[in-house]
N, C-alpha and C. Protein backbone atom coordinates (compact mmCIF):
# COMPACT_ATOMS: atom_id res chain seq x y z
N ARG A 1 -145.24 112.82 66.89
CA ARG A 1 -145.09 112.42 68.26
C ARG A 1 -146.28 112.96 69.05
N ASP A 2 -146.71 112.17 70.02
CA ASP A 2 -147.88 112.58 70.79
C ASP A 2 -147.72 112.43 72.29
N SER A 3 -146.51 112.04 72.73
CA SER A 3 -146.34 111.80 74.16
C SER A 3 -144.95 112.21 74.62
N VAL A 4 -144.86 112.42 75.94
CA VAL A 4 -143.60 112.81 76.57
C VAL A 4 -143.43 111.96 77.83
N THR A 5 -142.23 111.43 78.02
CA THR A 5 -141.88 110.72 79.24
C THR A 5 -140.90 111.59 80.02
N VAL A 6 -141.22 111.86 81.28
CA VAL A 6 -140.45 112.84 82.06
C VAL A 6 -139.71 112.17 83.21
N MET A 7 -138.42 112.54 83.34
CA MET A 7 -137.58 112.16 84.47
C MET A 7 -136.75 113.38 84.83
N GLY A 8 -136.32 113.50 86.07
CA GLY A 8 -135.47 114.62 86.44
C GLY A 8 -135.56 114.97 87.91
N THR A 9 -134.91 116.06 88.26
CA THR A 9 -134.89 116.48 89.66
C THR A 9 -135.78 117.70 89.88
N ALA A 10 -136.04 117.94 91.13
CA ALA A 10 -136.94 119.02 91.59
C ALA A 10 -138.36 118.74 91.12
N THR A 11 -138.95 117.65 91.65
CA THR A 11 -140.29 117.22 91.28
C THR A 11 -141.30 118.36 91.35
N SER A 12 -141.20 119.19 92.38
CA SER A 12 -142.18 120.27 92.55
C SER A 12 -141.86 121.50 91.71
N GLY A 13 -140.70 121.52 91.08
CA GLY A 13 -140.30 122.69 90.28
C GLY A 13 -140.13 122.35 88.82
N CYS A 14 -138.93 121.93 88.44
CA CYS A 14 -138.59 121.67 87.03
C CYS A 14 -139.44 120.57 86.43
N VAL A 15 -139.62 119.47 87.16
CA VAL A 15 -140.42 118.36 86.64
C VAL A 15 -141.86 118.83 86.44
N ARG A 16 -142.42 119.48 87.45
CA ARG A 16 -143.81 119.96 87.34
C ARG A 16 -143.97 120.93 86.18
N ALA A 17 -143.02 121.85 85.99
CA ALA A 17 -143.10 122.82 84.89
C ALA A 17 -143.08 122.10 83.55
N THR A 18 -142.22 121.11 83.40
CA THR A 18 -142.15 120.35 82.16
C THR A 18 -143.45 119.60 81.90
N VAL A 19 -143.99 118.99 82.94
CA VAL A 19 -145.23 118.23 82.82
C VAL A 19 -146.40 119.14 82.42
N THR A 20 -146.54 120.27 83.11
CA THR A 20 -147.67 121.15 82.79
C THR A 20 -147.51 121.78 81.40
N ASP A 21 -146.29 122.11 81.00
CA ASP A 21 -146.07 122.63 79.64
C ASP A 21 -146.44 121.59 78.60
N ALA A 22 -145.97 120.36 78.78
CA ALA A 22 -146.28 119.30 77.82
C ALA A 22 -147.78 119.05 77.76
N PHE A 23 -148.42 118.99 78.91
CA PHE A 23 -149.87 118.79 78.97
C PHE A 23 -150.61 119.93 78.26
N SER A 24 -150.15 121.15 78.46
CA SER A 24 -150.77 122.33 77.84
C SER A 24 -150.63 122.32 76.33
N HIS A 25 -149.62 121.60 75.81
CA HIS A 25 -149.43 121.48 74.37
C HIS A 25 -150.03 120.17 73.83
N ASN A 26 -150.93 119.59 74.61
CA ASN A 26 -151.70 118.40 74.23
C ASN A 26 -150.88 117.12 74.06
N TYR A 27 -149.76 117.03 74.76
CA TYR A 27 -149.02 115.78 74.79
C TYR A 27 -149.59 114.88 75.88
N ARG A 28 -149.54 113.59 75.66
CA ARG A 28 -149.83 112.63 76.72
C ARG A 28 -148.55 112.52 77.54
N VAL A 29 -148.64 112.66 78.85
CA VAL A 29 -147.45 112.77 79.69
C VAL A 29 -147.36 111.59 80.65
N THR A 30 -146.17 110.99 80.71
CA THR A 30 -145.87 109.95 81.68
C THR A 30 -144.70 110.42 82.52
N ILE A 31 -144.84 110.30 83.83
CA ILE A 31 -143.76 110.59 84.76
C ILE A 31 -143.22 109.26 85.26
N VAL A 32 -141.90 109.06 85.13
CA VAL A 32 -141.27 107.85 85.65
C VAL A 32 -141.12 108.04 87.16
N GLU A 33 -141.94 107.33 87.90
CA GLU A 33 -142.04 107.54 89.35
C GLU A 33 -140.70 107.48 90.07
N ASP A 34 -139.88 106.49 89.77
CA ASP A 34 -138.59 106.36 90.44
C ASP A 34 -137.48 107.02 89.64
N GLY A 35 -137.85 107.88 88.70
CA GLY A 35 -136.88 108.64 87.91
C GLY A 35 -136.95 110.13 88.18
N VAL A 36 -137.68 110.51 89.24
CA VAL A 36 -137.77 111.92 89.64
C VAL A 36 -137.38 112.04 91.10
N PHE A 37 -136.96 113.24 91.51
CA PHE A 37 -136.41 113.43 92.85
C PHE A 37 -136.74 114.83 93.36
N GLU A 38 -136.91 114.91 94.65
CA GLU A 38 -137.10 116.20 95.34
C GLU A 38 -136.41 116.09 96.70
N ARG A 39 -135.81 117.16 97.17
CA ARG A 39 -135.13 117.11 98.47
C ARG A 39 -136.08 116.82 99.61
N SER A 40 -137.30 117.33 99.54
CA SER A 40 -138.30 117.09 100.57
C SER A 40 -139.22 115.94 100.14
N GLN A 41 -139.25 114.88 100.92
CA GLN A 41 -140.10 113.74 100.58
C GLN A 41 -141.57 114.12 100.56
N ALA A 42 -141.99 115.00 101.46
CA ALA A 42 -143.39 115.42 101.51
C ALA A 42 -143.76 116.18 100.24
N SER A 43 -142.94 117.13 99.84
CA SER A 43 -143.18 117.90 98.62
C SER A 43 -143.19 116.99 97.40
N HIS A 44 -142.27 116.03 97.37
CA HIS A 44 -142.18 115.07 96.28
C HIS A 44 -143.49 114.27 96.15
N ALA A 45 -143.96 113.73 97.28
CA ALA A 45 -145.16 112.91 97.28
C ALA A 45 -146.40 113.72 96.89
N VAL A 46 -146.53 114.91 97.44
CA VAL A 46 -147.69 115.76 97.11
C VAL A 46 -147.66 116.15 95.64
N SER A 47 -146.50 116.50 95.12
CA SER A 47 -146.39 116.89 93.72
C SER A 47 -146.76 115.74 92.78
N LEU A 48 -146.24 114.54 93.06
CA LEU A 48 -146.58 113.39 92.23
C LEU A 48 -148.07 113.08 92.28
N CYS A 49 -148.64 113.12 93.46
CA CYS A 49 -150.07 112.86 93.62
C CYS A 49 -150.89 113.87 92.82
N ASP A 50 -150.54 115.14 92.92
CA ASP A 50 -151.28 116.20 92.23
C ASP A 50 -151.14 116.08 90.71
N MET A 51 -149.91 115.85 90.23
CA MET A 51 -149.71 115.73 88.78
C MET A 51 -150.40 114.49 88.23
N ASN A 52 -150.40 113.40 89.01
CA ASN A 52 -151.08 112.18 88.58
C ASN A 52 -152.59 112.42 88.45
N ALA A 53 -153.13 113.24 89.32
CA ALA A 53 -154.57 113.52 89.30
C ALA A 53 -154.97 114.46 88.16
N LYS A 54 -154.04 115.30 87.70
CA LYS A 54 -154.41 116.35 86.74
C LYS A 54 -153.75 116.26 85.38
N TYR A 55 -152.46 115.95 85.32
CA TYR A 55 -151.69 116.17 84.10
C TYR A 55 -151.00 114.95 83.50
N ALA A 56 -150.76 113.92 84.28
CA ALA A 56 -149.88 112.85 83.80
C ALA A 56 -150.22 111.52 84.45
N ASP A 57 -149.66 110.46 83.87
CA ASP A 57 -149.70 109.16 84.50
C ASP A 57 -148.35 108.96 85.18
N VAL A 58 -148.38 108.63 86.46
CA VAL A 58 -147.15 108.36 87.21
C VAL A 58 -146.96 106.84 87.23
N VAL A 59 -145.85 106.38 86.62
CA VAL A 59 -145.66 104.96 86.36
C VAL A 59 -144.25 104.54 86.81
N PRO A 60 -144.10 103.37 87.42
CA PRO A 60 -142.76 102.89 87.79
C PRO A 60 -141.91 102.62 86.54
N SER A 61 -140.60 102.75 86.68
CA SER A 61 -139.70 102.60 85.54
C SER A 61 -139.82 101.24 84.87
N GLY A 62 -140.07 100.20 85.63
CA GLY A 62 -140.22 98.86 85.05
C GLY A 62 -141.33 98.80 84.02
N GLU A 63 -142.45 99.45 84.30
CA GLU A 63 -143.57 99.47 83.35
C GLU A 63 -143.22 100.28 82.11
N VAL A 64 -142.50 101.38 82.29
CA VAL A 64 -142.09 102.20 81.15
C VAL A 64 -141.14 101.41 80.26
N ILE A 65 -140.18 100.73 80.86
CA ILE A 65 -139.22 99.93 80.10
C ILE A 65 -139.94 98.81 79.36
N ASP A 66 -140.85 98.12 80.03
CA ASP A 66 -141.62 97.04 79.38
C ASP A 66 -142.38 97.58 78.17
N TYR A 67 -143.03 98.72 78.33
CA TYR A 67 -143.80 99.31 77.23
C TYR A 67 -142.88 99.65 76.06
N LEU A 68 -141.77 100.32 76.35
CA LEU A 68 -140.85 100.74 75.28
C LEU A 68 -140.24 99.55 74.54
N THR A 69 -139.93 98.48 75.25
CA THR A 69 -139.33 97.32 74.59
C THR A 69 -140.34 96.57 73.72
N ARG A 70 -141.63 96.76 73.94
CA ARG A 70 -142.66 96.11 73.12
C ARG A 70 -143.02 96.90 71.86
N LEU A 71 -142.53 98.12 71.74
CA LEU A 71 -142.83 98.92 70.54
C LEU A 71 -142.18 98.28 69.32
N PRO A 72 -142.85 98.36 68.16
CA PRO A 72 -142.28 97.76 66.95
C PRO A 72 -140.95 98.41 66.56
N LYS A 73 -140.04 97.60 66.07
CA LYS A 73 -138.75 98.12 65.59
C LYS A 73 -138.98 99.07 64.43
N GLY A 74 -138.21 100.15 64.38
CA GLY A 74 -138.29 101.10 63.28
C GLY A 74 -139.42 102.11 63.41
N LEU A 75 -140.16 102.07 64.50
CA LEU A 75 -141.32 102.95 64.66
C LEU A 75 -140.95 104.42 64.59
N PHE A 76 -139.76 104.75 65.06
CA PHE A 76 -139.36 106.15 65.11
C PHE A 76 -138.25 106.50 64.11
N ASP A 77 -138.03 105.64 63.13
CA ASP A 77 -137.03 105.93 62.10
C ASP A 77 -137.44 107.16 61.31
N GLN A 78 -136.48 107.99 60.99
CA GLN A 78 -136.72 109.19 60.20
C GLN A 78 -136.73 108.83 58.72
N PRO A 79 -137.49 109.57 57.90
CA PRO A 79 -137.47 109.30 56.46
C PRO A 79 -136.07 109.45 55.91
N LYS A 80 -135.73 108.61 54.94
CA LYS A 80 -134.38 108.62 54.36
C LYS A 80 -134.19 109.81 53.39
N GLY A 81 -135.24 110.27 52.74
CA GLY A 81 -135.11 111.36 51.79
C GLY A 81 -134.65 110.85 50.42
N ALA A 82 -134.63 111.74 49.47
CA ALA A 82 -134.23 111.38 48.11
C ALA A 82 -132.72 111.20 48.03
N PRO A 83 -132.26 110.25 47.20
CA PRO A 83 -130.80 110.04 47.07
C PRO A 83 -130.12 111.21 46.37
């Protein structure tokens, strides 16, 4: 695996910590723009802008869903192992 898609609450806290940790471990990071929340709209907007500039791509959920539905079937199947 090489990427992480992030959704959650506290954009400036928990979401940002997850994004920076994933980025620091060399994952490609996508933040689902309408899948994150912060009580303060100003803090939310500034956090998304900053993370988009440094650590992640901020993308609307529709684009994320479109991308995921186009992935080949079985791409993430685990090996079956020996019988």
